[in-house]
Amino acid sequence: MRIDRLHIQNFLGIHMLEVDLDTSVTLIAGHNGAGKSSVADALRLAFCGEAGRVRHKKDFGALVASTARDGRIVVDTEDARWNVSVTGKSSQRSEIPEALPYVLDAQRFASLDAKGRRQFLSNLLGVSATPETVASMVRERGCDMERFVQVKPLLRSGFDAAHQDCKMRATEAKGAWRQITGETWGSSKGETWQPERSPHSPEDLDVRERKLRRELETVSDQLASARSMATHAAQIDQWHALVADIPELESELKELEAKHAALEEE
C-alpha cells in the first residue's frame, strides 16, 4: 500500500498540511515543534485508530489545534481514501481492514496473548478452530484418528498447553528409550537402531536350554529327597520323645495296679 496524498488540518501542531507523495520514499524533516511527530500521529490515528498522546475519548480535544473546534485527516492511497474527523470528545474515521494495524505495527501482534493471536489469525484466514472442525479436516486428510482423539481435549486448552503436553510425552519416550537401549536418544540413531544380536547360534541355544532343563530336574529331585528326609527326621524325633516317656508311664501303671489290688482286699 502506497500513500499518494496527505491532508491534515487542525491536528496537534499542524494547522494545515497538504502534500502529494509521488516518490517511493518520503522524508519529513524540520525543527523542533515543526510538526514531524504530528504527521506520524495523524497516520497512526488514520490507519490504526490509536491516539498516542491521549488514552481516553474524553481527552480527544487535546488533539485539536487550540484555535479550532475540530481536526481532520485525509489520507489517499492507491486503493482507497481514509477520513478521520477529530472533535473534543471522540474521533470518527473510515473503516479499515482488521489486519492493517498489525501489518503496520508488528509489536501489536506480539503483545497479544495466545488466545488473542489465535483468534486474530483465525479471523484473518476465515477458518474455524473448533475441535469438531479440526476433526473433520484431520479425517479428510486421512490422518490417524486414534491419535487425534488423544490430543483432542488439548485443543480446548490452547496450543501452548498442547505444546507442553507434547514436550512431556517426548521426555517420557526418551527416558523409556534410554532404559531399554542404555543409550541417549537421537533422531538418526532412532531410525536405524537395532537390538544387539546374540553371539550364539540357534543350535548353541538349544543345547544350552536342554542342559539347563536337566540341571533343573536334578535340583528338583534333590529338593524332593531333602523334603522326604526332613519328614523322616521329624518322625524319628517324635518316636524318641515317646520312648523317653515310657518309664514314667510304667511308674504310673504300677501305682494304678497297687491301688486296684488294695481295693480288692477291702
C-alpha atoms as a PDB file:
ATOM      1  CA  MET A   1       0.000   0.000   0.000  1.00  0.00           C
ATOM      2  CA  ARG A   2       1.395   3.381  -1.046  1.00  0.00           C
ATOM      3  CA  ILE A   3       0.264   6.796   0.256  1.00  0.00           C
ATOM      4  CA  ASP A   4      -0.366   9.210  -2.629  1.00  0.00           C
ATOM      5  CA  ARG A   5      -1.676  12.282  -0.848  1.00  0.00           C
ATOM      6  CA  LEU A   6      -1.886  13.534   2.738  1.00  0.00           C
ATOM      7  CA  HIS A   7      -4.145  16.269   4.100  1.00  0.00           C
ATOM      8  CA  ILE A   8      -4.009  17.317   7.774  1.00  0.00           C
ATOM      9  CA  GLN A   9      -5.950  20.222   9.248  1.00  0.00           C
ATOM     10  CA  ASN A  10      -6.071  21.496  12.842  1.00  0.00           C
ATOM     11  CA  PHE A  11      -4.465  18.389  14.296  1.00  0.00           C
ATOM     12  CA  LEU A  12      -1.954  18.810  17.124  1.00  0.00           C
ATOM     13  CA  GLY A  13       0.753  21.216  15.949  1.00  0.00           C
ATOM     14  CA  ILE A  14      -0.420  21.325  12.320  1.00  0.00           C
ATOM     15  CA  HIS A  15      -2.916  23.943  11.183  1.00  0.00           C
ATOM     16  CA  MET A  16      -2.808  22.986   7.536  1.00  0.00           C
ATOM     17  CA  LEU A  17      -0.701  20.461   5.644  1.00  0.00           C
ATOM     18  CA  GLU A  18      -1.363  19.130   2.179  1.00  0.00           C
ATOM     19  CA  VAL A  19       1.277  17.231   0.297  1.00  0.00           C
ATOM     20  CA  ASP A  20       1.403  14.897  -2.697  1.00  0.00           C
ATOM     21  CA  LEU A  21       3.713  11.937  -2.229  1.00  0.00           C
ATOM     22  CA  ASP A  22       4.855  10.963  -5.709  1.00  0.00           C
ATOM     23  CA  THR A  23       8.084   9.186  -4.732  1.00  0.00           C
ATOM     24  CA  SER A  24       8.624   5.711  -3.313  1.00  0.00           C
ATOM     25  CA  VAL A  25      10.270   7.140  -0.173  1.00  0.00           C
ATOM     26  CA  THR A  26       9.457  10.467   1.504  1.00  0.00           C
ATOM     27  CA  LEU A  27      11.494  12.002   4.322  1.00  0.00           C
ATOM     28  CA  ILE A  28       9.943  14.683   6.545  1.00  0.00           C
ATOM     29  CA  ALA A  29      12.425  16.990   8.260  1.00  0.00           C
ATOM     30  CA  GLY A  30      12.095  20.166  10.308  1.00  0.00           C
ATOM     31  CA  HIS A  31      12.992  21.986  13.516  1.00  0.00           C
ATOM     32  CA  ASN A  32      11.581  21.004  16.893  1.00  0.00           C
ATOM     33  CA  GLY A  33       7.882  21.825  17.030  1.00  0.00           C
ATOM     34  CA  ALA A  34       7.552  21.924  13.248  1.00  0.00           C
ATOM     35  CA  GLY A  35       5.013  19.080  13.286  1.00  0.00           C
ATOM     36  CA  LYS A  36       7.006  15.972  12.336  1.00  0.00           C
ATOM     37  CA  SER A  37       5.562  13.914  15.177  1.00  0.00           C
ATOM     38  CA  SER A  38       2.107  15.330  14.427  1.00  0.00           C
ATOM     39  CA  VAL A  39       2.286  13.809  10.936  1.00  0.00           C
ATOM     40  CA  ALA A  40       3.269  10.427  12.378  1.00  0.00           C
ATOM     41  CA  ASP A  41       0.440  10.603  14.959  1.00  0.00           C
ATOM     42  CA  ALA A  42      -2.064  11.544  12.245  1.00  0.00           C
ATOM     43  CA  LEU A  43      -1.122   8.495  10.173  1.00  0.00           C
ATOM     44  CA  ARG A  44      -1.276   6.251  13.231  1.00  0.00           C
ATOM     45  CA  LEU A  45      -4.761   7.521  14.060  1.00  0.00           C
ATOM     46  CA  ALA A  46      -5.942   7.084  10.457  1.00  0.00           C
ATOM     47  CA  PHE A  47      -4.585   3.572   9.951  1.00  0.00           C
ATOM     48  CA  CYS A  48      -4.520   2.059  13.447  1.00  0.00           C
ATOM     49  CA  GLY A  49      -7.154   4.048  15.335  1.00  0.00           C
ATOM     50  CA  GLU A  50      -4.638   4.963  18.018  1.00  0.00           C
ATOM     51  CA  ALA A  51      -4.350   8.417  19.532  1.00  0.00           C
ATOM     52  CA  GLY A  52      -0.891   8.047  21.023  1.00  0.00           C
ATOM     53  CA  ARG A  53      -0.955  11.219  23.141  1.00  0.00           C
ATOM     54  CA  VAL A  54      -4.288  10.599  24.898  1.00  0.00           C
ATOM     55  CA  ARG A  55      -5.829   7.471  26.354  1.00  0.00           C
ATOM     56  CA  HIS A  56      -9.486   8.389  26.824  1.00  0.00           C
ATOM     57  CA  LYS A  57     -12.037   9.637  24.322  1.00  0.00           C
ATOM     58  CA  LYS A  58     -12.984  12.496  26.620  1.00  0.00           C
ATOM     59  CA  ASP A  59      -9.449  13.861  26.133  1.00  0.00           C
ATOM     60  CA  PHE A  60      -9.555  13.882  22.320  1.00  0.00           C
ATOM     61  CA  GLY A  61      -9.935  17.650  22.436  1.00  0.00           C
ATOM     62  CA  ALA A  62      -6.223  17.826  23.222  1.00  0.00           C
ATOM     63  CA  LEU A  63      -5.542  16.563  19.691  1.00  0.00           C
ATOM     64  CA  VAL A  64      -7.291  19.513  18.071  1.00  0.00           C
ATOM     65  CA  ALA A  65      -5.338  22.693  17.460  1.00  0.00           C
ATOM     66  CA  SER A  66      -6.086  25.296  20.133  1.00  0.00           C
ATOM     67  CA  THR A  67      -7.715  27.753  17.734  1.00  0.00           C
ATOM     68  CA  ALA A  68     -10.079  25.237  16.107  1.00  0.00           C
ATOM     69  CA  ARG A  69     -13.196  23.266  17.070  1.00  0.00           C
ATOM     70  CA  ASP A  70     -12.272  20.084  15.240  1.00  0.00           C
ATOM     71  CA  GLY A  71      -9.495  18.497  13.212  1.00  0.00           C
ATOM     72  CA  ARG A  72      -9.414  16.485  10.037  1.00  0.00           C
ATOM     73  CA  ILE A  73      -7.116  13.912   8.480  1.00  0.00           C
ATOM     74  CA  VAL A  74      -7.444  12.633   4.914  1.00  0.00           C
ATOM     75  CA  VAL A  75      -5.109  10.003   3.511  1.00  0.00           C
ATOM     76  CA  ASP A  76      -5.342   8.963  -0.136  1.00  0.00           C
ATOM     77  CA  THR A  77      -3.725   5.661  -1.077  1.00  0.00           C
ATOM     78  CA  GLU A  78      -3.594   3.784  -4.331  1.00  0.00           C
ATOM     79  CA  ASP A  79      -6.548   1.709  -3.131  1.00  0.00           C
ATOM     80  CA  ALA A  80      -8.786   3.935  -1.017  1.00  0.00           C
ATOM     81  CA  ARG A  81      -9.307   7.182   0.893  1.00  0.00           C
ATOM     82  CA  TRP A  82      -9.147   7.291   4.689  1.00  0.00           C
ATOM     83  CA  ASN A  83     -11.002  10.056   6.508  1.00  0.00           C
ATOM     84  CA  VAL A  84     -10.663  10.938  10.169  1.00  0.00           C
ATOM     85  CA  SER A  85     -12.617  13.636  11.981  1.00  0.00           C
ATOM     86  CA  VAL A  86     -11.485  14.605  15.479  1.00  0.00           C
ATOM     87  CA  THR A  87     -13.718  16.524  17.889  1.00  0.00           C
ATOM     88  CA  GLY A  88     -13.480  17.412  21.532  1.00  0.00           C
ATOM     89  CA  LYS A  89     -14.717  14.042  22.811  1.00  0.00           C
ATOM     90  CA  SER A  90     -14.250  11.489  20.031  1.00  0.00           C
ATOM     91  CA  SER A  91     -12.966  10.707  16.566  1.00  0.00           C
ATOM     92  CA  GLN A  92     -14.686   9.263  13.527  1.00  0.00           C
ATOM     93  CA  ARG A  93     -12.775   7.502  10.803  1.00  0.00           C
ATOM     94  CA  SER A  94     -13.275   5.302   7.777  1.00  0.00           C
ATOM     95  CA  GLU A  95     -13.472   1.585   8.372  1.00  0.00           C
ATOM     96  CA  ILE A  96     -10.101  -0.074   7.951  1.00  0.00           C
ATOM     97  CA  PRO A  97      -9.197  -3.739   7.405  1.00  0.00           C
ATOM     98  CA  GLU A  98      -8.701  -5.622  10.664  1.00  0.00           C
ATOM     99  CA  ALA A  99      -5.217  -6.751   9.691  1.00  0.00           C
ATOM    100  CA  LEU A 100      -3.883  -3.340   8.651  1.00  0.00           C
ATOM    101  CA  PRO A 101      -2.823  -2.134  12.131  1.00  0.00           C
ATOM    102  CA  TYR A 102      -0.930  -5.396  12.659  1.00  0.00           C
ATOM    103  CA  VAL A 103       0.838  -5.043   9.313  1.00  0.00           C
ATOM    104  CA  LEU A 104       1.987  -1.531  10.180  1.00  0.00           C
ATOM    105  CA  ASP A 105       2.928  -2.332  13.763  1.00  0.00           C
ATOM    106  CA  ALA A 106       4.375  -5.797  14.421  1.00  0.00           C
ATOM    107  CA  GLN A 107       4.536  -5.130  18.161  1.00  0.00           C
ATOM    108  CA  ARG A 108       0.746  -5.041  18.244  1.00  0.00           C
ATOM    109  CA  PHE A 109       0.572  -8.718  17.268  1.00  0.00           C
ATOM    110  CA  ALA A 110       3.456  -9.670  19.570  1.00  0.00           C
ATOM    111  CA  SER A 111       1.677  -8.077  22.544  1.00  0.00           C
ATOM    112  CA  LEU A 112      -1.389 -10.305  22.146  1.00  0.00           C
ATOM    113  CA  ASP A 113      -1.731 -13.345  24.367  1.00  0.00           C
ATOM    114  CA  ALA A 114      -2.011 -16.830  22.874  1.00  0.00           C
ATOM    115  CA  LYS A 115      -5.802 -16.691  22.683  1.00  0.00           C
ATOM    116  CA  GLY A 116      -5.744 -13.263  21.027  1.00  0.00           C
ATOM    117  CA  ARG A 117      -3.182 -14.332  18.411  1.00  0.00           C
ATOM    118  CA  ARG A 118      -5.137 -17.494  17.651  1.00  0.00           C
ATOM    119  CA  GLN A 119      -8.399 -15.574  17.274  1.00  0.00           C
ATOM    120  CA  PHE A 120      -6.799 -12.918  15.049  1.00  0.00           C
ATOM    121  CA  LEU A 121      -5.254 -15.483  12.711  1.00  0.00           C
ATOM    122  CA  SER A 122      -8.487 -17.481  12.557  1.00  0.00           C
ATOM    123  CA  ASN A 123     -10.460 -14.363  11.620  1.00  0.00           C
ATOM    124  CA  LEU A 124      -7.813 -13.304   9.101  1.00  0.00           C
ATOM    125  CA  LEU A 125      -7.796 -16.688   7.360  1.00  0.00           C
ATOM    126  CA  GLY A 126     -11.516 -17.262   7.734  1.00  0.00           C
ATOM    127  CA  VAL A 127     -11.106 -20.617   9.399  1.00  0.00           C
ATOM    128  CA  SER A 128     -12.710 -22.238  12.410  1.00  0.00           C
ATOM    129  CA  ALA A 129     -10.563 -23.896  15.050  1.00  0.00           C
ATOM    130  CA  THR A 130     -13.272 -25.768  16.952  1.00  0.00           C
ATOM    131  CA  PRO A 131     -12.432 -29.405  17.815  1.00  0.00           C
ATOM    132  CA  GLU A 132     -15.227 -30.610  15.527  1.00  0.00           C
ATOM    133  CA  THR A 133     -13.913 -28.628  12.564  1.00  0.00           C
ATOM    134  CA  VAL A 134     -10.346 -29.784  13.174  1.00  0.00           C
ATOM    135  CA  ALA A 135     -11.550 -33.401  13.450  1.00  0.00           C
ATOM    136  CA  SER A 136     -13.280 -33.103  10.078  1.00  0.00           C
ATOM    137  CA  MET A 137     -10.118 -31.670   8.477  1.00  0.00           C
ATOM    138  CA  VAL A 138      -7.951 -34.401  10.001  1.00  0.00           C
ATOM    139  CA  ARG A 139     -10.326 -37.104   8.783  1.00  0.00           C
ATOM    140  CA  GLU A 140     -10.383 -35.676   5.266  1.00  0.00           C
ATOM    141  CA  ARG A 141      -6.591 -35.795   5.134  1.00  0.00           C
ATOM    142  CA  GLY A 142      -6.561 -39.456   6.082  1.00  0.00           C
ATOM    143  CA  CYS A 143      -4.733 -38.956   9.370  1.00  0.00           C
ATOM    144  CA  ASP A 144      -4.741 -41.366  12.309  1.00  0.00           C
ATOM    145  CA  MET A 145      -7.978 -40.584  14.150  1.00  0.00           C
ATOM    146  CA  GLU A 146      -6.959 -42.588  17.235  1.00  0.00           C
ATOM    147  CA  ARG A 147      -4.045 -40.250  17.793  1.00  0.00           C
ATOM    148  CA  PHE A 148      -6.276 -37.263  17.150  1.00  0.00           C
ATOM    149  CA  VAL A 149      -8.716 -38.442  19.838  1.00  0.00           C
ATOM    150  CA  GLN A 150      -5.801 -38.489  22.303  1.00  0.00           C
ATOM    151  CA  VAL A 151      -4.907 -34.835  21.694  1.00  0.00           C
ATOM    152  CA  LYS A 152      -8.443 -33.534  21.069  1.00  0.00           C
ATOM    153  CA  PRO A 153      -9.017 -32.431  24.709  1.00  0.00           C
ATOM    154  CA  LEU A 154      -5.881 -30.266  24.454  1.00  0.00           C
ATOM    155  CA  LEU A 155      -7.416 -28.205  21.636  1.00  0.00           C
ATOM    156  CA  ARG A 156      -9.753 -26.562  24.126  1.00  0.00           C
ATOM    157  CA  SER A 157      -6.793 -25.669  26.352  1.00  0.00           C
ATOM    158  CA  GLY A 158      -4.913 -23.975  23.527  1.00  0.00           C
ATOM    159  CA  PHE A 159      -1.815 -24.664  21.511  1.00  0.00           C
ATOM    160  CA  ASP A 160       0.522 -23.754  24.372  1.00  0.00           C
ATOM    161  CA  ALA A 161      -0.991 -26.479  26.543  1.00  0.00           C
ATOM    162  CA  ALA A 162      -0.759 -28.942  23.650  1.00  0.00           C
ATOM    163  CA  HIS A 163       2.881 -27.989  23.122  1.00  0.00           C
ATOM    164  CA  GLN A 164       3.727 -28.549  26.785  1.00  0.00           C
ATOM    165  CA  ASP A 165       1.946 -31.912  26.757  1.00  0.00           C
ATOM    166  CA  CYS A 166       3.902 -32.983  23.658  1.00  0.00           C
ATOM    167  CA  LYS A 167       7.165 -31.959  25.317  1.00  0.00           C
ATOM    168  CA  MET A 168       6.288 -34.032  28.399  1.00  0.00           C
ATOM    169  CA  ARG A 169       5.393 -37.071  26.272  1.00  0.00           C
ATOM    170  CA  ALA A 170       8.623 -36.719  24.286  1.00  0.00           C
ATOM    171  CA  THR A 171      10.657 -36.581  27.515  1.00  0.00           C
ATOM    172  CA  GLU A 172       8.940 -39.725  28.813  1.00  0.00           C
ATOM    173  CA  ALA A 173       9.530 -41.530  25.496  1.00  0.00           C
ATOM    174  CA  LYS A 174      13.217 -40.589  25.517  1.00  0.00           C
ATOM    175  CA  GLY A 175      13.509 -41.868  29.092  1.00  0.00           C
ATOM    176  CA  ALA A 176      11.908 -45.177  28.093  1.00  0.00           C
ATOM    177  CA  TRP A 177      14.301 -45.405  25.142  1.00  0.00           C
ATOM    178  CA  ARG A 178      17.296 -44.946  27.448  1.00  0.00           C
ATOM    179  CA  GLN A 179      16.058 -47.619  29.863  1.00  0.00           C
ATOM    180  CA  ILE A 180      15.658 -50.151  27.049  1.00  0.00           C
ATOM    181  CA  THR A 181      18.746 -49.400  24.966  1.00  0.00           C
ATOM    182  CA  GLY A 182      21.060 -47.852  27.554  1.00  0.00           C
ATOM    183  CA  GLU A 183      21.783 -45.035  25.096  1.00  0.00           C
ATOM    184  CA  THR A 184      20.771 -41.383  24.731  1.00  0.00           C
ATOM    185  CA  TRP A 185      18.030 -40.736  22.185  1.00  0.00           C
ATOM    186  CA  GLY A 186      18.923 -39.349  18.771  1.00  0.00           C
ATOM    187  CA  SER A 187      16.618 -38.933  15.783  1.00  0.00           C
ATOM    188  CA  SER A 188      19.063 -40.513  13.330  1.00  0.00           C
ATOM    189  CA  LYS A 189      20.010 -43.209  15.797  1.00  0.00           C
ATOM    190  CA  GLY A 190      16.338 -43.960  16.475  1.00  0.00           C
ATOM    191  CA  GLU A 191      15.615 -44.671  12.822  1.00  0.00           C
ATOM    192  CA  THR A 192      18.497 -47.124  12.362  1.00  0.00           C
ATOM    193  CA  TRP A 193      18.838 -48.682  15.837  1.00  0.00           C
ATOM    194  CA  GLN A 194      18.635 -52.467  16.085  1.00  0.00           C
ATOM    195  CA  PRO A 195      18.966 -54.614  19.219  1.00  0.00           C
ATOM    196  CA  GLU A 196      22.266 -56.408  19.634  1.00  0.00           C
ATOM    197  CA  ARG A 197      22.233 -59.940  18.279  1.00  0.00           C
ATOM    198  CA  SER A 198      23.235 -62.879  20.466  1.00  0.00           C
ATOM    199  CA  PRO A 199      26.737 -64.234  19.713  1.00  0.00           C
ATOM    200  CA  HIS A 200      25.349 -67.805  19.953  1.00  0.00           C
ATOM    201  CA  SER A 201      23.760 -69.668  17.102  1.00  0.00           C
ATOM    202  CA  PRO A 202      20.252 -71.175  17.429  1.00  0.00           C
ATOM    203  CA  GLU A 203      21.830 -74.651  17.764  1.00  0.00           C
ATOM    204  CA  ASP A 204      24.008 -73.483  20.676  1.00  0.00           C
ATOM    205  CA  LEU A 205      20.965 -72.021  22.373  1.00  0.00           C
ATOM    206  CA  ASP A 206      19.067 -75.318  22.013  1.00  0.00           C
ATOM    207  CA  VAL A 207      21.940 -77.270  23.589  1.00  0.00           C
ATOM    208  CA  ARG A 208      22.151 -74.777  26.431  1.00  0.00           C
ATOM    209  CA  GLU A 209      18.406 -74.996  27.003  1.00  0.00           C
ATOM    210  CA  ARG A 210      18.477 -78.805  27.232  1.00  0.00           C
ATOM    211  CA  LYS A 211      21.388 -78.631  29.659  1.00  0.00           C
ATOM    212  CA  LEU A 212      19.578 -76.160  31.871  1.00  0.00           C
ATOM    213  CA  ARG A 213      16.463 -78.296  31.847  1.00  0.00           C
ATOM    214  CA  ARG A 214      18.479 -81.364  33.007  1.00  0.00           C
ATOM    215  CA  GLU A 215      20.077 -79.302  35.766  1.00  0.00           C
ATOM    216  CA  LEU A 216      16.657 -78.072  36.809  1.00  0.00           C
ATOM    217  CA  GLU A 217      15.319 -81.659  37.008  1.00  0.00           C
ATOM    218  CA  THR A 218      18.330 -82.721  39.123  1.00  0.00           C
ATOM    219  CA  VAL A 219      17.818 -79.848  41.539  1.00  0.00           C
ATOM    220  CA  SER A 220      14.097 -80.652  41.755  1.00  0.00           C
ATOM    221  CA  ASP A 221      14.864 -84.306  42.638  1.00  0.00           C
ATOM    222  CA  GLN A 222      17.371 -83.247  45.301  1.00  0.00           C
ATOM    223  CA  LEU A 223      14.822 -80.890  46.781  1.00  0.00           C
ATOM    224  CA  ALA A 224      12.174 -83.633  46.926  1.00  0.00           C
ATOM    225  CA  SER A 225      14.665 -86.008  48.588  1.00  0.00           C
ATOM    226  CA  ALA A 226      15.608 -83.375  51.156  1.00  0.00           C
ATOM    227  CA  ARG A 227      11.974 -82.771  51.973  1.00  0.00           C
ATOM    228  CA  SER A 228      11.422 -86.570  52.422  1.00  0.00           C
ATOM    229  CA  MET A 229      14.436 -86.856  54.718  1.00  0.00           C
ATOM    230  CA  ALA A 230      13.206 -83.895  56.715  1.00  0.00           C
ATOM    231  CA  THR A 231       9.867 -85.674  57.164  1.00  0.00           C
ATOM    232  CA  HIS A 232      11.565 -88.891  58.398  1.00  0.00           C
ATOM    233  CA  ALA A 233      13.743 -86.916  60.769  1.00  0.00           C
ATOM    234  CA  ALA A 234      10.678 -85.312  62.289  1.00  0.00           C
ATOM    235  CA  GLN A 235       9.037 -88.738  62.785  1.00  0.00           C
ATOM    236  CA  ILE A 236      12.170 -90.080  64.457  1.00  0.00           C
ATOM    237  CA  ASP A 237      12.168 -87.141  66.847  1.00  0.00           C
ATOM    238  CA  GLN A 238       8.562 -87.951  67.733  1.00  0.00           C
ATOM    239  CA  TRP A 239       9.471 -91.602  68.395  1.00  0.00           C
ATOM    240  CA  HIS A 240      12.370 -90.599  70.661  1.00  0.00           C
ATOM    241  CA  ALA A 241      10.004 -88.407  72.649  1.00  0.00           C
ATOM    242  CA  LEU A 242       7.613 -91.350  73.107  1.00  0.00           C
ATOM    243  CA  VAL A 243      10.418 -93.678  74.218  1.00  0.00           C
ATOM    244  CA  ALA A 244      11.506 -91.116  76.797  1.00  0.00           C
ATOM    245  CA  ASP A 245       8.003 -91.165  78.266  1.00  0.00           C
ATOM    246  CA  ILE A 246       7.910 -94.996  78.738  1.00  0.00           C
ATOM    247  CA  PRO A 247       9.486 -95.113  82.298  1.00  0.00           C
ATOM    248  CA  GLU A 248       7.054 -92.508  83.552  1.00  0.00           C
ATOM    249  CA  LEU A 249       4.125 -94.361  82.059  1.00  0.00           C
ATOM    250  CA  GLU A 250       5.306 -97.683  83.610  1.00  0.00           C
ATOM    251  CA  SER A 251       5.520 -95.995  87.028  1.00  0.00           C
ATOM    252  CA  GLU A 252       2.016 -94.667  86.745  1.00  0.00           C
ATOM    253  CA  LEU A 253       0.796 -98.109  85.671  1.00  0.00           C
ATOM    254  CA  LYS A 254       2.337 -99.754  88.786  1.00  0.00           C
ATOM    255  CA  GLU A 255       0.674 -97.204  91.056  1.00  0.00           C
ATOM    256  CA  LEU A 256      -2.667 -97.913  89.449  1.00  0.00           C
ATOM    257  CA  GLU A 257      -2.170-101.685  89.850  1.00  0.00           C
ATOM    258  CA  ALA A 258      -1.351-101.239  93.560  1.00  0.00           C
ATOM    259  CA  LYS A 259      -4.434 -99.140  94.163  1.00  0.00           C
ATOM    260  CA  HIS A 260      -6.539-101.713  92.345  1.00  0.00           C
ATOM    261  CA  ALA A 261      -5.156-104.562  94.493  1.00  0.00           C
ATOM    262  CA  ALA A 262      -5.871-102.643  97.655  1.00  0.00           C
ATOM    263  CA  LEU A 263      -9.455-102.111  96.658  1.00  0.00           C
ATOM    264  CA  GLU A 264      -9.920-105.840  96.003  1.00  0.00           C
ATOM    265  CA  GLU A 265      -8.628-106.785  99.527  1.00  0.00           C
ATOM    266  CA  GLU A 266     -11.147-104.479 101.175  1.00  0.00           C
END
